[in-house]
């Protein structure tokens, strides 16, 4: 690896460490998670987690290459678990992603799991989520059981891949234990229109690490 690539990689790890250190709520209450469906209808997340053993939230952004890369993996996880036990939701918290963007993504076939908009990024902020596609697992009582990335795969096809999200859901369903927090990378969630990302990696590194 050339010196410039090593420097870029070091810079990426330094900037992304801020994403990995973010905290968040350990439990959600009935007033948390006030989301909107693609048609604008208000939807309460509490009704979802109360009816399932596990609810998996995958934070989504229309322009994030990491989100696109993981779409097939999210679909595989959705198909792995019984729908009556595990619910999946894509949560759009970016200020730049409005309901029209979600509708366009749905029309393009990108709604792998149901979309929900997080107005003002309130839920993301409550959970300490700062990047996409960070995943959060909530149990039937509203307790946060996992917060992190779907796996540790930085380069597609990595033989040392660890399926963090899958392990967390399996543990919750079986009564076992798994790591509750993992590092997360990806695209920074913007809190206001035109906001400059604070945790994103330099472009060459981000493309190498997120694209298929």
N, C-alpha and C. Protein backbone atom coordinates (compact mmCIF):
# COMPACT_ATOMS: atom_id res chain seq x y z
N UNK A 1 0.86 -1.20 0.00
CA UNK A 1 0.00 0.00 0.00
C UNK A 1 0.89 1.24 0.00
N UNK A 2 0.64 2.21 -0.92
CA UNK A 2 1.42 3.42 -0.98
C UNK A 2 1.23 4.29 0.23
N UNK A 3 2.18 5.25 0.40
CA UNK A 3 2.10 6.11 1.58
C UNK A 3 0.81 6.91 1.61
N UNK A 4 0.37 7.41 0.43
CA UNK A 4 -0.85 8.23 0.42
C UNK A 4 -2.06 7.40 0.79
N UNK A 5 -2.08 6.12 0.38
CA UNK A 5 -3.20 5.27 0.76
C UNK A 5 -3.19 4.99 2.26
N UNK A 6 -1.98 4.78 2.81
CA UNK A 6 -1.88 4.55 4.25
C UNK A 6 -2.34 5.77 5.03
N UNK A 7 -1.99 6.96 4.50
CA UNK A 7 -2.41 8.19 5.17
C UNK A 7 -3.92 8.35 5.13
N UNK A 8 -4.52 8.04 3.97
CA UNK A 8 -5.97 8.13 3.85
C UNK A 8 -6.66 7.14 4.78
N UNK A 9 -6.11 5.92 4.85
CA UNK A 9 -6.72 4.92 5.72
C UNK A 9 -6.64 5.34 7.18
N UNK A 10 -5.49 5.90 7.57
CA UNK A 10 -5.34 6.37 8.96
C UNK A 10 -6.32 7.49 9.26
N UNK A 11 -6.48 8.41 8.30
CA UNK A 11 -7.42 9.51 8.49
C UNK A 11 -8.84 8.99 8.60
N UNK A 12 -9.17 7.98 7.79
CA UNK A 12 -10.52 7.41 7.85
C UNK A 12 -10.80 6.80 9.20
N UNK A 13 -9.82 6.02 9.72
CA UNK A 13 -10.03 5.38 11.01
C UNK A 13 -10.16 6.41 12.11
N UNK A 14 -9.38 7.49 12.03
CA UNK A 14 -9.45 8.54 13.05
C UNK A 14 -10.80 9.22 13.04
N UNK A 15 -11.28 9.59 11.84
CA UNK A 15 -12.55 10.32 11.76
C UNK A 15 -13.72 9.43 12.11
N UNK A 16 -13.63 8.14 11.73
CA UNK A 16 -14.75 7.24 11.99
C UNK A 16 -14.80 6.78 13.43
N UNK A 17 -13.70 6.96 14.17
CA UNK A 17 -13.72 6.59 15.58
C UNK A 17 -14.77 7.39 16.33
N UNK A 18 -15.01 8.63 15.87
CA UNK A 18 -16.04 9.46 16.51
C UNK A 18 -17.41 8.83 16.36
N UNK A 19 -17.65 8.19 15.21
CA UNK A 19 -18.93 7.52 15.00
C UNK A 19 -19.07 6.33 15.94
N UNK A 20 -17.97 5.61 16.14
CA UNK A 20 -18.03 4.41 16.95
C UNK A 20 -18.23 4.70 18.43
N UNK A 21 -17.93 5.93 18.87
CA UNK A 21 -17.98 6.22 20.29
C UNK A 21 -19.30 6.85 20.73
N UNK A 22 -20.22 7.05 19.79
CA UNK A 22 -21.48 7.71 20.15
C UNK A 22 -22.29 6.84 21.11
N UNK A 23 -22.96 7.48 22.10
CA UNK A 23 -23.81 6.76 23.04
C UNK A 23 -25.25 6.82 22.60
N UNK A 24 -26.16 6.35 23.43
CA UNK A 24 -27.57 6.39 23.09
C UNK A 24 -28.40 5.77 24.19
N UNK A 25 -29.71 5.93 24.07
CA UNK A 25 -30.63 5.40 25.07
C UNK A 25 -30.56 3.88 25.14
N UNK A 26 -30.73 3.32 26.34
CA UNK A 26 -30.73 1.87 26.51
C UNK A 26 -32.14 1.30 26.44
N UNK A 27 -33.14 2.17 26.48
CA UNK A 27 -34.53 1.73 26.40
C UNK A 27 -35.37 2.85 25.78
N UNK A 28 -36.34 2.46 24.96
CA UNK A 28 -37.26 3.43 24.36
C UNK A 28 -38.59 3.38 25.10
N UNK A 29 -39.22 4.53 25.24
CA UNK A 29 -40.53 4.61 25.85
C UNK A 29 -41.61 4.73 24.80
N UNK A 30 -42.87 4.71 25.20
CA UNK A 30 -43.98 4.76 24.24
C UNK A 30 -44.02 6.04 23.41
N UNK A 31 -43.41 7.11 23.91
CA UNK A 31 -43.42 8.36 23.16
C UNK A 31 -42.22 8.51 22.24
N UNK A 32 -41.27 7.57 22.32
CA UNK A 32 -40.13 7.58 21.40
C UNK A 32 -40.52 6.88 20.11
N UNK A 33 -39.82 7.21 19.05
CA UNK A 33 -40.08 6.53 17.79
C UNK A 33 -41.36 6.94 17.11
N UNK A 34 -41.65 8.24 17.11
CA UNK A 34 -42.81 8.73 16.36
C UNK A 34 -42.37 8.98 14.92
N UNK A 35 -42.68 8.04 14.07
CA UNK A 35 -42.21 8.05 12.69
C UNK A 35 -43.35 8.35 11.73
N UNK A 36 -43.02 8.45 10.45
CA UNK A 36 -44.04 8.66 9.41
C UNK A 36 -43.84 7.64 8.31
N UNK A 37 -44.95 7.07 7.86
CA UNK A 37 -44.91 6.16 6.72
C UNK A 37 -44.68 6.97 5.44
N UNK A 38 -44.43 6.27 4.34
CA UNK A 38 -44.14 6.96 3.08
C UNK A 38 -45.28 7.87 2.65
N UNK A 39 -46.52 7.50 2.98
CA UNK A 39 -47.67 8.34 2.61
C UNK A 39 -47.91 9.48 3.60
N UNK A 40 -47.03 9.62 4.58
CA UNK A 40 -47.15 10.70 5.56
C UNK A 40 -47.92 10.34 6.80
N UNK A 41 -48.49 9.13 6.85
CA UNK A 41 -49.26 8.72 8.01
C UNK A 41 -48.35 8.53 9.23
N UNK A 42 -48.70 9.13 10.37
CA UNK A 42 -47.89 8.92 11.58
C UNK A 42 -47.93 7.45 11.99
N UNK A 43 -46.81 6.94 12.45
CA UNK A 43 -46.75 5.56 12.91
C UNK A 43 -45.92 5.50 14.18
N UNK A 44 -46.41 4.78 15.17
CA UNK A 44 -45.72 4.67 16.45
C UNK A 44 -44.87 3.40 16.47
N UNK A 45 -43.58 3.55 16.66
CA UNK A 45 -42.69 2.41 16.68
C UNK A 45 -43.02 1.46 17.83
N UNK A 46 -43.56 1.98 18.92
CA UNK A 46 -43.88 1.14 20.08
C UNK A 46 -44.84 0.02 19.71
N UNK A 47 -45.76 0.28 18.81
CA UNK A 47 -46.71 -0.76 18.40
C UNK A 47 -46.00 -1.90 17.69
N UNK A 48 -44.88 -1.59 17.03
CA UNK A 48 -44.12 -2.62 16.33
C UNK A 48 -43.32 -3.47 17.30
N UNK A 49 -42.54 -2.81 18.18
CA UNK A 49 -41.70 -3.62 19.06
C UNK A 49 -42.52 -4.40 20.09
N UNK A 50 -43.67 -3.88 20.49
CA UNK A 50 -44.49 -4.60 21.47
C UNK A 50 -45.08 -5.88 20.89
N UNK A 51 -45.18 -5.96 19.56
CA UNK A 51 -45.78 -7.12 18.93
C UNK A 51 -44.79 -8.13 18.38
N UNK A 52 -43.49 -7.90 18.61
CA UNK A 52 -42.47 -8.80 18.07
C UNK A 52 -41.40 -9.08 19.12
N UNK A 53 -40.78 -10.23 19.01
CA UNK A 53 -39.68 -10.56 19.91
C UNK A 53 -38.48 -9.65 19.65
N UNK A 54 -38.30 -9.27 18.40
CA UNK A 54 -37.19 -8.39 18.03
C UNK A 54 -37.64 -7.45 16.92
N UNK A 55 -37.25 -6.20 17.03
CA UNK A 55 -37.47 -5.22 15.96
C UNK A 55 -36.11 -4.70 15.54
N UNK A 56 -35.82 -4.83 14.25
CA UNK A 56 -34.53 -4.42 13.71
C UNK A 56 -34.72 -3.13 12.91
N UNK A 57 -34.07 -2.08 13.36
CA UNK A 57 -34.08 -0.81 12.65
C UNK A 57 -32.77 -0.66 11.90
N UNK A 58 -32.85 -0.45 10.60
CA UNK A 58 -31.65 -0.20 9.80
C UNK A 58 -31.75 1.23 9.30
N UNK A 59 -30.84 2.07 9.74
CA UNK A 59 -30.91 3.48 9.36
C UNK A 59 -30.42 3.63 7.93
N UNK A 60 -31.22 4.36 7.15
CA UNK A 60 -31.15 4.35 5.68
C UNK A 60 -30.96 5.76 5.16
N UNK A 61 -30.24 5.88 4.04
CA UNK A 61 -30.11 7.17 3.35
C UNK A 61 -30.09 6.91 1.85
N UNK A 62 -30.78 7.73 1.10
CA UNK A 62 -30.97 7.47 -0.32
C UNK A 62 -29.68 7.50 -1.12
N UNK A 63 -28.71 8.30 -0.71
CA UNK A 63 -27.49 8.46 -1.50
C UNK A 63 -26.28 7.74 -0.92
N UNK A 64 -26.45 6.99 0.15
CA UNK A 64 -25.30 6.35 0.80
C UNK A 64 -24.90 5.07 0.08
N UNK A 65 -23.66 4.97 -0.43
CA UNK A 65 -23.24 3.74 -1.12
C UNK A 65 -23.19 2.54 -0.18
N UNK A 66 -22.94 2.78 1.11
CA UNK A 66 -22.91 1.67 2.07
C UNK A 66 -24.30 1.06 2.21
N UNK A 67 -25.33 1.90 2.21
CA UNK A 67 -26.71 1.41 2.29
C UNK A 67 -27.01 0.53 1.08
N UNK A 68 -26.62 0.98 -0.10
CA UNK A 68 -26.89 0.21 -1.32
C UNK A 68 -26.15 -1.13 -1.27
N UNK A 69 -24.92 -1.09 -0.79
CA UNK A 69 -24.13 -2.32 -0.74
C UNK A 69 -24.80 -3.37 0.15
N UNK A 70 -25.44 -2.93 1.22
CA UNK A 70 -26.00 -3.87 2.19
C UNK A 70 -27.47 -4.23 1.92
N UNK A 71 -28.06 -3.74 0.85
CA UNK A 71 -29.47 -4.03 0.60
C UNK A 71 -29.73 -5.53 0.48
N UNK A 72 -28.89 -6.24 -0.26
CA UNK A 72 -29.09 -7.69 -0.43
C UNK A 72 -28.93 -8.41 0.90
N UNK A 73 -28.02 -7.93 1.73
CA UNK A 73 -27.81 -8.59 3.03
C UNK A 73 -29.00 -8.35 3.96
N UNK A 74 -29.56 -7.15 3.91
CA UNK A 74 -30.76 -6.86 4.71
C UNK A 74 -31.91 -7.76 4.25
N UNK A 75 -32.05 -7.92 2.94
CA UNK A 75 -33.11 -8.79 2.42
C UNK A 75 -32.92 -10.23 2.89
N UNK A 76 -31.67 -10.70 2.90
CA UNK A 76 -31.40 -12.07 3.35
C UNK A 76 -31.72 -12.24 4.84
N UNK A 77 -31.42 -11.23 5.63
CA UNK A 77 -31.75 -11.29 7.06
C UNK A 77 -33.26 -11.27 7.27
N UNK A 78 -33.95 -10.43 6.51
CA UNK A 78 -35.42 -10.38 6.59
C UNK A 78 -36.01 -11.75 6.31
N UNK A 79 -35.49 -12.44 5.31
CA UNK A 79 -36.03 -13.75 4.93
C UNK A 79 -35.61 -14.86 5.89
N UNK A 80 -34.60 -14.61 6.69
CA UNK A 80 -34.09 -15.64 7.61
C UNK A 80 -35.01 -15.87 8.80
N UNK A 81 -35.75 -14.81 9.21
CA UNK A 81 -36.51 -14.88 10.46
C UNK A 81 -38.01 -14.85 10.20
N UNK A 82 -38.81 -15.52 11.05
CA UNK A 82 -40.27 -15.46 10.90
C UNK A 82 -40.77 -14.03 11.09
N UNK A 83 -41.63 -13.58 10.21
CA UNK A 83 -42.11 -12.20 10.26
C UNK A 83 -42.92 -11.91 11.52
N UNK A 84 -43.51 -12.95 12.12
CA UNK A 84 -44.29 -12.71 13.33
C UNK A 84 -43.40 -12.57 14.58
N UNK A 85 -42.12 -12.90 14.44
CA UNK A 85 -41.19 -12.76 15.58
C UNK A 85 -40.23 -11.59 15.41
N UNK A 86 -39.84 -11.32 14.18
CA UNK A 86 -38.84 -10.27 13.93
C UNK A 86 -39.37 -9.30 12.88
N UNK A 87 -39.43 -8.03 13.25
CA UNK A 87 -39.86 -6.98 12.33
C UNK A 87 -38.64 -6.17 11.89
N UNK A 88 -38.62 -5.79 10.63
CA UNK A 88 -37.55 -4.96 10.09
C UNK A 88 -38.13 -3.63 9.62
N UNK A 89 -37.38 -2.56 9.84
CA UNK A 89 -37.76 -1.24 9.33
C UNK A 89 -36.52 -0.51 8.83
N UNK A 90 -36.66 0.14 7.69
CA UNK A 90 -35.67 1.12 7.26
C UNK A 90 -36.08 2.45 7.86
N UNK A 91 -35.17 3.15 8.52
CA UNK A 91 -35.48 4.44 9.12
C UNK A 91 -34.65 5.51 8.43
N UNK A 92 -35.33 6.48 7.83
CA UNK A 92 -34.67 7.58 7.12
C UNK A 92 -34.63 8.80 8.02
N UNK A 93 -33.45 9.13 8.52
CA UNK A 93 -33.30 10.25 9.46
C UNK A 93 -32.61 11.45 8.84
N UNK A 94 -32.04 11.31 7.65
CA UNK A 94 -31.35 12.42 7.01
C UNK A 94 -32.29 13.59 6.73
N UNK A 95 -31.82 14.78 7.02
CA UNK A 95 -32.62 15.97 6.70
C UNK A 95 -32.87 16.07 5.20
N UNK A 96 -31.95 15.50 4.39
CA UNK A 96 -32.08 15.60 2.93
C UNK A 96 -33.03 14.57 2.33
N UNK A 97 -33.50 13.61 3.11
CA UNK A 97 -34.40 12.58 2.60
C UNK A 97 -35.83 12.86 3.06
N UNK A 98 -36.65 13.41 2.15
CA UNK A 98 -38.04 13.69 2.51
C UNK A 98 -38.92 12.54 2.03
N UNK A 99 -40.23 12.68 2.23
CA UNK A 99 -41.14 11.60 1.86
C UNK A 99 -41.14 11.34 0.36
N UNK A 100 -40.90 12.38 -0.43
CA UNK A 100 -40.82 12.19 -1.88
C UNK A 100 -39.62 11.31 -2.25
N UNK A 101 -38.52 11.47 -1.54
CA UNK A 101 -37.35 10.63 -1.79
C UNK A 101 -37.65 9.17 -1.43
N UNK A 102 -38.38 8.96 -0.34
CA UNK A 102 -38.74 7.60 0.04
C UNK A 102 -39.68 6.98 -0.99
N UNK A 103 -40.62 7.78 -1.48
CA UNK A 103 -41.55 7.27 -2.50
C UNK A 103 -40.80 6.91 -3.78
N UNK A 104 -39.81 7.73 -4.14
CA UNK A 104 -39.01 7.45 -5.34
C UNK A 104 -38.19 6.17 -5.16
N UNK A 105 -37.63 5.99 -3.96
CA UNK A 105 -36.86 4.78 -3.68
C UNK A 105 -37.76 3.55 -3.71
N UNK A 106 -38.97 3.69 -3.20
CA UNK A 106 -39.93 2.58 -3.26
C UNK A 106 -40.25 2.24 -4.70
N UNK A 107 -40.49 3.25 -5.52
CA UNK A 107 -40.82 3.01 -6.93
C UNK A 107 -39.66 2.35 -7.67
N UNK A 108 -38.43 2.61 -7.20
CA UNK A 108 -37.25 2.02 -7.83
C UNK A 108 -36.93 0.63 -7.29
N UNK A 109 -37.78 0.12 -6.40
CA UNK A 109 -37.60 -1.21 -5.86
C UNK A 109 -36.59 -1.32 -4.73
N UNK A 110 -36.30 -0.19 -4.06
CA UNK A 110 -35.30 -0.20 -2.99
C UNK A 110 -35.90 -0.37 -1.60
N UNK A 111 -37.21 -0.55 -1.51
CA UNK A 111 -37.83 -0.74 -0.20
C UNK A 111 -37.74 -2.22 0.20
N UNK A 112 -36.53 -2.63 0.57
CA UNK A 112 -36.28 -4.02 0.94
C UNK A 112 -37.13 -4.40 2.15
N UNK A 113 -37.21 -3.49 3.11
CA UNK A 113 -38.09 -3.62 4.26
C UNK A 113 -38.85 -2.30 4.36
N UNK A 114 -39.97 -2.24 5.09
CA UNK A 114 -40.79 -1.02 5.09
C UNK A 114 -40.02 0.23 5.51
N UNK A 115 -40.25 1.30 4.76
CA UNK A 115 -39.64 2.59 5.07
C UNK A 115 -40.41 3.30 6.18
N UNK A 116 -39.68 4.10 6.95
CA UNK A 116 -40.29 5.03 7.89
C UNK A 116 -39.39 6.25 7.98
N UNK A 117 -39.98 7.42 7.94
CA UNK A 117 -39.21 8.66 8.07
C UNK A 117 -39.13 9.06 9.54
N UNK A 118 -37.95 9.51 9.93
CA UNK A 118 -37.69 9.97 11.29
C UNK A 118 -37.57 11.49 11.24
N UNK A 119 -38.70 12.22 11.38
CA UNK A 119 -38.68 13.68 11.23
C UNK A 119 -37.70 14.33 12.20
N UNK A 120 -36.81 15.14 11.64
CA UNK A 120 -35.84 15.84 12.47
C UNK A 120 -34.74 14.96 13.02
N UNK A 121 -34.73 13.69 12.63
CA UNK A 121 -33.71 12.77 13.14
C UNK A 121 -33.79 12.53 14.63
N UNK A 122 -35.00 12.68 15.19
CA UNK A 122 -35.17 12.57 16.65
C UNK A 122 -34.82 11.16 17.15
N UNK A 123 -35.32 10.13 16.45
CA UNK A 123 -35.05 8.77 16.90
C UNK A 123 -33.57 8.44 16.79
N UNK A 124 -32.94 8.85 15.69
CA UNK A 124 -31.51 8.60 15.53
C UNK A 124 -30.72 9.25 16.66
N UNK A 125 -31.09 10.47 16.99
CA UNK A 125 -30.39 11.18 18.07
C UNK A 125 -30.61 10.47 19.41
N UNK A 126 -31.84 10.03 19.66
CA UNK A 126 -32.15 9.34 20.91
C UNK A 126 -31.33 8.06 21.06
N UNK A 127 -31.16 7.36 19.95
CA UNK A 127 -30.45 6.08 19.98
C UNK A 127 -28.94 6.24 19.82
N UNK A 128 -28.48 7.45 19.58
CA UNK A 128 -27.05 7.66 19.40
C UNK A 128 -26.54 7.18 18.05
N UNK A 129 -27.42 7.15 17.06
CA UNK A 129 -27.04 6.70 15.72
C UNK A 129 -26.59 7.90 14.90
N UNK A 130 -25.40 7.83 14.33
CA UNK A 130 -24.86 8.96 13.58
C UNK A 130 -24.53 8.63 12.14
N UNK A 131 -24.70 7.36 11.73
CA UNK A 131 -24.34 7.01 10.36
C UNK A 131 -25.26 5.93 9.82
N UNK A 132 -25.26 5.79 8.49
CA UNK A 132 -26.02 4.75 7.82
C UNK A 132 -25.05 3.78 7.15
N UNK A 133 -25.38 2.47 7.14
CA UNK A 133 -26.57 1.82 7.64
C UNK A 133 -26.39 1.18 9.03
N UNK A 134 -26.31 1.98 10.06
CA UNK A 134 -26.27 1.46 11.43
C UNK A 134 -27.56 0.69 11.73
N UNK A 135 -27.43 -0.40 12.47
CA UNK A 135 -28.60 -1.21 12.85
C UNK A 135 -28.80 -1.15 14.36
N UNK A 136 -30.06 -1.17 14.78
CA UNK A 136 -30.43 -1.20 16.19
C UNK A 136 -31.47 -2.31 16.38
N UNK A 137 -31.30 -3.12 17.41
CA UNK A 137 -32.25 -4.18 17.72
C UNK A 137 -32.95 -3.85 19.03
N UNK A 138 -34.28 -3.88 19.01
CA UNK A 138 -35.10 -3.56 20.18
C UNK A 138 -35.92 -4.79 20.55
N UNK A 139 -36.02 -5.09 21.84
CA UNK A 139 -36.82 -6.25 22.24
C UNK A 139 -38.27 -5.85 22.50
N UNK A 140 -39.09 -6.80 22.93
CA UNK A 140 -40.52 -6.56 23.07
C UNK A 140 -40.86 -5.59 24.18
N UNK A 141 -39.90 -5.29 25.05
CA UNK A 141 -40.13 -4.33 26.13
C UNK A 141 -39.57 -2.95 25.81
N UNK A 142 -39.02 -2.79 24.61
CA UNK A 142 -38.46 -1.50 24.21
C UNK A 142 -37.01 -1.31 24.59
N UNK A 143 -36.36 -2.37 25.11
CA UNK A 143 -34.95 -2.27 25.49
C UNK A 143 -34.07 -2.42 24.25
N UNK A 144 -33.03 -1.60 24.17
CA UNK A 144 -32.09 -1.67 23.07
C UNK A 144 -31.10 -2.80 23.35
N UNK A 145 -31.09 -3.80 22.49
CA UNK A 145 -30.25 -4.98 22.72
C UNK A 145 -29.00 -5.00 21.85
N UNK A 146 -29.00 -4.17 20.81
CA UNK A 146 -27.83 -4.11 19.92
C UNK A 146 -27.82 -2.77 19.23
N UNK A 147 -26.62 -2.22 19.05
CA UNK A 147 -26.44 -0.98 18.29
C UNK A 147 -25.09 -1.06 17.59
N UNK A 148 -25.10 -1.06 16.27
CA UNK A 148 -23.83 -1.14 15.56
C UNK A 148 -24.01 -1.41 14.08
N UNK A 149 -22.97 -1.94 13.47
CA UNK A 149 -23.06 -2.24 12.04
C UNK A 149 -23.52 -3.68 11.82
N UNK A 150 -23.94 -3.98 10.61
CA UNK A 150 -24.48 -5.29 10.27
C UNK A 150 -23.41 -6.37 10.42
N UNK A 151 -22.19 -6.03 10.09
CA UNK A 151 -21.06 -6.95 10.25
C UNK A 151 -19.77 -6.14 10.28
N UNK A 152 -18.65 -6.83 10.34
CA UNK A 152 -17.36 -6.13 10.38
C UNK A 152 -16.66 -6.12 9.04
N UNK A 153 -17.36 -6.43 7.98
CA UNK A 153 -16.76 -6.57 6.66
C UNK A 153 -16.40 -5.21 6.07
N UNK A 154 -15.13 -4.90 6.02
CA UNK A 154 -14.70 -3.64 5.43
C UNK A 154 -14.42 -3.81 3.94
N UNK A 155 -14.05 -5.02 3.54
CA UNK A 155 -13.78 -5.31 2.13
C UNK A 155 -14.68 -6.48 1.73
N UNK A 156 -15.48 -6.35 0.66
CA UNK A 156 -16.38 -7.44 0.26
C UNK A 156 -15.64 -8.76 0.12
N UNK A 157 -16.24 -9.82 0.68
CA UNK A 157 -15.64 -11.14 0.59
C UNK A 157 -14.62 -11.45 1.67
N UNK A 158 -14.50 -10.59 2.66
CA UNK A 158 -13.55 -10.80 3.75
C UNK A 158 -13.82 -12.15 4.44
N UNK A 159 -12.85 -13.08 4.46
CA UNK A 159 -13.09 -14.40 5.07
C UNK A 159 -13.26 -14.33 6.59
N UNK A 160 -12.86 -13.22 7.19
CA UNK A 160 -12.99 -13.07 8.64
C UNK A 160 -14.24 -12.29 9.03
N UNK A 161 -15.20 -12.22 8.13
CA UNK A 161 -16.44 -11.48 8.41
C UNK A 161 -17.14 -12.05 9.64
N UNK A 162 -17.61 -11.14 10.52
CA UNK A 162 -18.39 -11.52 11.70
C UNK A 162 -19.79 -10.93 11.55
N UNK A 163 -20.84 -11.74 11.52
CA UNK A 163 -22.21 -11.26 11.30
C UNK A 163 -22.83 -10.69 12.57
N UNK A 164 -22.42 -9.49 12.96
CA UNK A 164 -22.81 -8.91 14.23
C UNK A 164 -24.32 -8.83 14.43
N UNK A 165 -25.02 -8.29 13.44
CA UNK A 165 -26.47 -8.13 13.59
C UNK A 165 -27.17 -9.48 13.69
N UNK A 166 -26.79 -10.40 12.83
CA UNK A 166 -27.39 -11.74 12.86
C UNK A 166 -27.16 -12.41 14.22
N UNK A 167 -25.96 -12.28 14.75
CA UNK A 167 -25.66 -12.87 16.06
C UNK A 167 -26.53 -12.25 17.15
N UNK A 168 -26.74 -10.94 17.06
CA UNK A 168 -27.55 -10.25 18.08
C UNK A 168 -29.00 -10.71 18.04
N UNK A 169 -29.57 -10.83 16.84
CA UNK A 169 -30.96 -11.28 16.72
C UNK A 169 -31.09 -12.73 17.17
N UNK A 170 -30.16 -13.58 16.74
CA UNK A 170 -30.20 -14.99 17.15
C UNK A 170 -30.15 -15.11 18.67
N UNK A 171 -29.28 -14.32 19.30
CA UNK A 171 -29.14 -14.38 20.76
C UNK A 171 -30.42 -13.93 21.45
N UNK A 172 -31.04 -12.88 20.93
CA UNK A 172 -32.28 -12.39 21.53
C UNK A 172 -33.39 -13.44 21.43
N UNK A 173 -33.50 -14.08 20.29
CA UNK A 173 -34.56 -15.07 20.09
C UNK A 173 -34.34 -16.34 20.90
N UNK A 174 -33.08 -16.67 21.15
CA UNK A 174 -32.77 -17.92 21.85
C UNK A 174 -32.54 -17.73 23.34
N UNK A 175 -32.53 -16.47 23.80
CA UNK A 175 -32.26 -16.21 25.20
C UNK A 175 -30.78 -16.21 25.54
N UNK A 176 -29.93 -16.17 24.51
CA UNK A 176 -28.49 -16.15 24.73
C UNK A 176 -27.97 -14.73 24.84
N UNK A 177 -26.67 -14.59 24.66
CA UNK A 177 -26.05 -13.27 24.76
C UNK A 177 -25.16 -13.02 23.55
N UNK A 178 -25.03 -11.76 23.20
CA UNK A 178 -24.16 -11.35 22.10
C UNK A 178 -23.69 -9.94 22.41
N UNK A 179 -22.69 -9.48 21.68
CA UNK A 179 -22.21 -8.13 21.93
C UNK A 179 -23.33 -7.13 21.69
N UNK A 180 -23.40 -6.13 22.56
CA UNK A 180 -24.50 -5.17 22.50
C UNK A 180 -24.16 -3.95 21.67
N UNK A 181 -22.89 -3.62 21.56
CA UNK A 181 -22.47 -2.44 20.81
C UNK A 181 -21.26 -2.81 19.97
N UNK A 182 -21.26 -2.39 18.71
CA UNK A 182 -20.10 -2.60 17.85
C UNK A 182 -19.74 -1.27 17.21
N UNK A 183 -18.54 -1.18 16.63
CA UNK A 183 -18.22 0.03 15.85
C UNK A 183 -19.18 0.16 14.68
N UNK A 184 -19.33 1.38 14.18
CA UNK A 184 -20.09 1.56 12.95
C UNK A 184 -19.44 2.64 12.11
N UNK A 185 -19.57 2.47 10.79
CA UNK A 185 -18.93 3.36 9.84
C UNK A 185 -20.01 3.93 8.93
N UNK A 186 -19.69 4.16 7.67
CA UNK A 186 -20.71 4.55 6.71
C UNK A 186 -20.85 6.03 6.50
N UNK A 187 -22.06 6.45 6.11
CA UNK A 187 -22.34 7.84 5.74
C UNK A 187 -22.99 8.57 6.92
N UNK A 188 -22.48 9.74 7.22
CA UNK A 188 -23.00 10.52 8.33
C UNK A 188 -24.44 10.92 8.11
N UNK A 189 -25.27 10.80 9.15
CA UNK A 189 -26.64 11.30 9.09
C UNK A 189 -26.62 12.81 9.25
N UNK A 190 -27.19 13.52 8.28
CA UNK A 190 -27.23 14.98 8.36
C UNK A 190 -28.41 15.42 9.21
N UNK A 191 -28.17 16.41 10.05
CA UNK A 191 -29.21 16.90 10.95
C UNK A 191 -29.96 18.10 10.39
N UNK A 192 -29.36 18.78 9.41
CA UNK A 192 -30.03 19.93 8.80
C UNK A 192 -29.65 19.99 7.34
N UNK A 193 -30.48 20.64 6.54
CA UNK A 193 -30.23 20.71 5.10
C UNK A 193 -28.89 21.38 4.84
N UNK A 194 -28.09 20.75 4.00
CA UNK A 194 -26.81 21.32 3.64
C UNK A 194 -25.72 21.16 4.68
N UNK A 195 -26.00 20.44 5.75
CA UNK A 195 -25.00 20.26 6.80
C UNK A 195 -23.81 19.47 6.27
N UNK A 196 -22.62 19.87 6.68
CA UNK A 196 -21.42 19.17 6.25
C UNK A 196 -21.19 17.95 7.14
N UNK A 197 -20.99 16.76 6.54
CA UNK A 197 -20.76 15.56 7.34
C UNK A 197 -19.54 15.71 8.24
N UNK A 198 -19.62 15.15 9.45
CA UNK A 198 -18.53 15.26 10.41
C UNK A 198 -17.76 13.95 10.61
N UNK A 199 -18.36 12.83 10.24
CA UNK A 199 -17.72 11.54 10.53
C UNK A 199 -17.41 10.72 9.28
N UNK A 200 -17.66 11.27 8.10
CA UNK A 200 -17.49 10.48 6.89
C UNK A 200 -16.02 10.32 6.55
N UNK A 201 -15.69 9.19 5.90
CA UNK A 201 -14.32 8.93 5.48
C UNK A 201 -14.01 9.71 4.22
N UNK A 202 -12.72 9.94 3.91
CA UNK A 202 -12.35 10.56 2.64
C UNK A 202 -12.91 9.75 1.48
N UNK A 203 -13.28 10.42 0.41
CA UNK A 203 -14.00 9.78 -0.69
C UNK A 203 -13.35 8.50 -1.21
N UNK A 204 -12.02 8.48 -1.52
CA UNK A 204 -11.44 7.25 -2.06
C UNK A 204 -11.59 6.06 -1.12
N UNK A 205 -11.44 6.31 0.19
CA UNK A 205 -11.56 5.23 1.16
C UNK A 205 -13.01 4.80 1.30
N UNK A 206 -13.92 5.77 1.35
CA UNK A 206 -15.34 5.45 1.50
C UNK A 206 -15.82 4.60 0.33
N UNK A 207 -15.39 4.96 -0.89
CA UNK A 207 -15.83 4.20 -2.05
C UNK A 207 -15.27 2.79 -2.02
N UNK A 208 -14.01 2.65 -1.64
CA UNK A 208 -13.39 1.33 -1.61
C UNK A 208 -14.03 0.45 -0.56
N UNK A 209 -14.46 1.04 0.55
CA UNK A 209 -14.97 0.25 1.65
C UNK A 209 -16.48 0.02 1.58
N UNK A 210 -17.20 0.80 0.79
CA UNK A 210 -18.65 0.68 0.80
C UNK A 210 -19.22 0.11 -0.49
N UNK A 211 -18.56 0.31 -1.61
CA UNK A 211 -19.13 -0.15 -2.86
C UNK A 211 -18.99 -1.66 -2.99
N UNK A 212 -19.91 -2.30 -3.73
CA UNK A 212 -19.80 -3.75 -3.96
C UNK A 212 -18.49 -4.09 -4.65
